[in-house]
């Protein structure tokens, strides 16, 4: 097996100089670098990745924790994150908590033991904020607040609620049925304001670690202010696909006068199919609006109107935050501080900049908003609204 000594001998260079070229670390003249690279090519030298990682103190592996890869949203997100990390020379190790039958603790243990460089946490967790802040290694949260100092990347869910409300009010909706996860997620934050009251991200009197509830809260407020009824039906946990079907049927059974359904892509698709089965005309008698904007919006029988999240921009921002966290971890050998804020001076070729990343939004008490990157969403018209 060809080793660095063989390369050094053929190139007429010292072993230490070959090591600098192989590991991309330190100055080597252009002429000498060329000789070493030609020698590596002539000898078919393949660098020992384990040795390189030990030299650099990195593995090049990022753990991606999602609730289930079966869900179209998380399948689409994971694919986008894998592409974004690959573009930065990083590999993705997937943990689908519901499908694997265990939580994130195994991956956190691997991170603590330096078996991976960081974790992107995109699943619900029962651990409190002290657990996450005590890890002291790179962690980036997606669509949830884990604790002070941990970067958060999320879509602009309040904008989602605004866009849906604008559409339904403009088209004359009078009774809207919204389908979503367990309502208990709306108030699971244990943080307290200076007055002792729990605070939620959009100014209510309860707290949440799920910024996704912004879309429902904003929709309910906007519709309520205009006298439009808004009912909420729970579909169960994200991996409960039967729950989406049950919730869609429940709309017609509990609220026969409902003239609009708002739901995740899967729930909206079930709503369209149930309406067609019952002979309800779409969009004349019932409008359906999906949010997420995955491929499912094309598969319900009618192309659905959807609020589309920018998966590529969110993935690019998670990759950027992760590299910032890894660099900070390596530089200090200590728990991370806040990454530098996103600015408008980013390159136009950057998908994050092109998406027009918003300023950090309001976060629960105890979560530093400077760690939050908010990615705009877009309304995509379809055949299921007027």
Foldseek 3Di string as FASTA:
>chain_A
DDDLVQLCVQLVHDSVQLVCLVLVHDDDDPVSSVSSVVSCVVVVPDDDLVVSCVVVVANLEEEEEAQACPFLLNVLLVVLLQVLSVVVSHHYDYDRCNVVVHDCPVVLVCCLVRVHQEYEAEYDDPDALVVVQVSQGQYAYEQFDNFAQHFYEYAPLLVLLVVVLVQCVVQPFAEEEEEEADPCQAAPDPDADPVGFWADQPGDRGYHRGPNCSNVVNNCVSCVVVNGHYHYDHQYDSPRLVSLLVRLVVCCVVPVQGAEYEYALSSLLSNLLVCVVVVHDFNVRHFYEHEQPGPSCVVSVWNHWYWHFDSNLSSNVVSVSRVQRSVQCVVPVGRDGAGDADDLPDDCVRPNNVQPWDQQGGHIPRYDSSSYIYGYIDIDDIRRGD
